[in-house]
Protein backbone atom coordinates (compact mmCIF):
# COMPACT_ATOMS: atom_id res chain seq x y z
CA MET A 1 -19.16 17.79 -75.88
CA SER A 2 -17.72 15.05 -73.66
CA PHE A 3 -19.30 12.51 -71.62
CA ALA A 4 -18.14 10.20 -68.67
CA ASN A 5 -19.51 6.96 -67.64
CA LEU A 6 -21.73 7.29 -64.54
CA ILE A 7 -21.54 4.38 -62.16
CA PRO A 8 -24.09 4.64 -59.32
CA VAL A 9 -22.80 4.41 -55.97
CA GLN A 10 -24.85 1.95 -53.83
CA LYS A 11 -25.15 2.32 -50.05
CA VAL A 12 -24.46 -1.28 -49.09
CA VAL A 13 -24.89 -0.91 -45.33
CA ARG A 14 -27.20 1.50 -43.40
CA GLU A 15 -26.61 1.42 -39.63
CA ARG A 16 -28.70 2.11 -36.77
CA ASN A 17 -28.10 2.20 -33.02
CA GLY A 18 -31.00 1.32 -30.75
CA GLY A 19 -34.49 -0.06 -31.41
CA VAL A 20 -33.26 -3.79 -31.21
CA ALA A 21 -31.86 -5.61 -27.93
CA ALA A 22 -30.82 -9.03 -27.23
CA SER A 23 -31.04 -11.18 -23.95
CA LEU A 24 -30.42 -14.60 -22.65
CA GLN A 25 -33.33 -15.75 -20.57
CA LYS A 26 -33.22 -18.60 -18.31
CA LEU A 27 -35.99 -20.15 -16.16
CA GLY A 28 -35.30 -22.64 -13.55
CA GLY A 29 -32.70 -25.22 -14.58
CA SER A 30 -33.38 -25.03 -18.33
CA PRO A 31 -30.81 -23.88 -20.57
CA ALA A 32 -30.55 -20.23 -21.61
CA LYS A 33 -32.66 -19.07 -24.55
CA LEU A 34 -31.72 -16.09 -26.97
CA HIS A 35 -34.30 -13.30 -27.43
CA LEU A 36 -34.30 -10.47 -29.89
CA THR A 37 -36.55 -7.69 -28.96
CA PHE A 38 -37.39 -4.92 -31.49
CA LYS A 39 -39.06 -1.51 -30.65
CA ALA A 40 -42.49 -0.89 -32.68
CA VAL A 41 -40.99 2.13 -34.42
CA LEU A 42 -38.13 -0.15 -35.79
CA LEU A 43 -40.53 -2.69 -36.89
CA GLN A 44 -42.56 -0.07 -38.86
CA GLU A 45 -39.19 1.28 -40.46
CA LEU A 46 -38.40 -2.23 -41.44
CA ARG A 47 -41.91 -2.98 -42.70
CA TRP A 48 -41.95 -6.10 -40.52
CA ARG A 49 -45.33 -7.28 -39.13
CA TYR A 50 -46.24 -9.49 -36.14
CA ASP A 51 -46.44 -13.21 -37.06
CA ASP A 52 -43.74 -12.53 -39.98
CA ARG A 53 -41.36 -15.52 -40.35
CA PHE A 54 -37.65 -15.01 -40.90
CA ALA A 55 -34.82 -17.08 -42.12
CA VAL A 56 -31.87 -16.95 -39.64
CA LEU A 57 -28.07 -17.06 -39.98
CA LEU A 58 -25.74 -17.42 -37.10
CA GLY A 59 -22.41 -15.98 -37.27
CA GLN A 60 -19.34 -18.42 -36.71
CA ARG A 61 -15.69 -17.92 -36.27
CA GLU A 62 -14.79 -14.33 -36.96
CA ASP A 63 -18.48 -13.31 -37.31
CA LEU A 64 -19.44 -14.86 -33.90
CA GLY A 65 -21.68 -12.49 -32.25
CA ARG A 66 -23.65 -11.54 -35.38
CA ILE A 67 -27.14 -12.78 -36.41
CA ARG A 68 -28.71 -12.04 -39.87
CA LEU A 69 -32.40 -12.06 -40.43
CA ARG A 70 -34.49 -11.91 -43.57
CA ALA A 71 -38.04 -12.11 -44.04
CA ASP A 72 -39.10 -15.70 -45.41
CA PRO A 73 -42.41 -17.31 -45.44
CA ASP A 74 -40.54 -20.66 -44.70
CA GLY A 75 -38.37 -19.20 -42.02
CA SER A 76 -37.68 -20.87 -38.66
CA ALA A 77 -38.19 -17.71 -36.33
CA VAL A 78 -41.49 -16.03 -35.79
CA LEU A 79 -41.95 -12.23 -34.77
CA VAL A 80 -44.34 -12.24 -31.82
CA ARG A 81 -46.17 -9.27 -30.32
CA ARG A 82 -45.41 -8.52 -26.68
CA GLN A 83 -47.18 -5.80 -24.66
CA ILE A 84 -45.90 -4.30 -21.41
CA ARG A 85 -48.84 -1.94 -20.76
CA TRP A 86 -51.83 -1.25 -23.10
CA ASP A 87 -49.88 1.53 -24.82
CA HIS A 88 -46.39 0.01 -25.15
CA ASP A 89 -45.81 -2.96 -27.43
CA PHE A 90 -42.91 -4.45 -29.00
CA GLY A 91 -41.82 -7.45 -31.06
CA ASP A 92 -39.95 -10.53 -29.85
CA ILE A 93 -38.23 -13.33 -31.69
CA ASN A 94 -37.21 -16.23 -29.53
CA LEU A 95 -34.26 -18.03 -31.16
CA GLY A 96 -34.32 -20.63 -28.48
CA ILE A 97 -31.20 -22.39 -27.08
CA VAL A 98 -28.00 -21.53 -29.03
CA SER A 99 -25.15 -23.62 -27.80
CA VAL A 100 -22.34 -21.18 -28.76
CA PHE A 101 -23.60 -18.56 -26.32
CA PRO A 102 -23.03 -18.81 -22.30
CA ASP A 103 -25.77 -20.73 -20.38
CA ARG A 104 -26.54 -17.87 -18.02
CA LYS A 105 -29.08 -15.13 -17.70
CA GLU A 106 -28.12 -11.86 -19.55
CA ALA A 107 -30.11 -8.66 -19.12
CA SER A 108 -31.42 -7.04 -22.31
CA ALA A 109 -28.86 -4.96 -23.82
CA ASN A 110 -29.01 -2.62 -26.98
CA CYS A 111 -27.54 -4.07 -30.19
CA ARG A 112 -26.22 -2.39 -33.46
CA LEU A 113 -28.40 -3.07 -36.47
CA LEU A 114 -27.00 -3.18 -40.01
CA ARG A 115 -29.11 -3.20 -43.09
CA LEU A 116 -27.55 -5.32 -45.90
CA PRO A 117 -28.47 -5.98 -49.52
CA GLU A 118 -30.98 -8.47 -50.54
CA GLY A 119 -33.32 -7.80 -47.54
CA TRP A 120 -30.92 -9.14 -44.86
CA VAL A 121 -30.62 -7.20 -41.47
CA GLU A 122 -27.53 -8.03 -39.40
CA ILE A 123 -27.73 -7.64 -35.44
CA VAL A 124 -24.38 -7.23 -33.70
CA LEU A 125 -24.89 -8.95 -30.24
CA PRO A 126 -23.64 -7.35 -27.02
CA ARG A 127 -20.11 -8.42 -25.64
CA TRP A 128 -21.43 -11.78 -24.04
CA GLY A 129 -22.43 -12.82 -27.73
CA HIS A 130 -18.81 -12.45 -28.87
CA ALA A 131 -17.28 -14.60 -26.15
CA GLY A 132 -18.34 -17.85 -27.65
CA GLY A 133 -16.48 -20.70 -26.08
CA GLY A 134 -19.32 -23.19 -26.69
CA ALA A 135 -19.18 -24.15 -23.05
CA ARG A 136 -22.61 -24.31 -21.69
CA ARG A 137 -21.30 -22.92 -18.47
CA GLY A 138 -20.27 -19.71 -20.02
CA PRO A 139 -16.72 -18.28 -20.52
CA GLY A 140 -14.77 -17.58 -17.46
CA ARG A 141 -17.05 -19.35 -14.92
CA PRO A 142 -15.46 -22.09 -12.74
CA PRO A 143 -16.85 -25.63 -12.75
CA LYS A 144 -19.55 -26.40 -10.24
CA ALA A 145 -18.36 -27.48 -6.83
CA SER A 146 -18.74 -31.30 -6.21
CA THR A 147 -21.76 -32.29 -4.39
CA ASP A 148 -20.38 -35.37 -2.93
CA THR A 149 -21.58 -35.59 0.63
CA THR A 150 -19.60 -38.74 1.68
CA SER A 151 -16.60 -38.07 4.05
CA PRO A 152 -13.14 -39.07 3.08
CA SER A 153 -13.14 -41.86 5.85
CA GLU A 154 -16.22 -43.47 4.49
CA THR A 155 -14.65 -43.87 0.97
CA SER A 156 -10.97 -44.46 1.75
CA GLU A 157 -9.78 -47.99 2.43
CA ALA A 158 -8.24 -48.72 5.72
CA LEU A 159 -4.43 -48.89 5.51
CA PRO A 160 -2.64 -52.02 6.81
């Protein structure tokens, strides 16, 4: 008889497309706020409940455009129930103003979701989340035009 060591293979990451979306919402002149939206089916699969709190990690440098969430009673983010119609509800996490993302409205777009060890879930944001730049105007946008209404003759000095 002969035996060999068995080393169990752990599935580190399980990927899921759909079920989670991200958007930048902007009202009036206020800065854009990042919202993560979860379908009810995904919330059941993750065993998350409304009013659960989450620890949040924001990717930097090469991980820009990635957000990690993990259930944590002392977490800073809260999963809130939203309802479109009486028969259609979903979860929403408002992460507020995140300065590394552009300061503009971005429609809700599907994200990739990765399950990581130790209860972490990683969300890969749409393309606008990877642009970074840190400029509150957003990448590639020209600066606002000057609002100076004085004419050049009023501001220039008379020549001798």
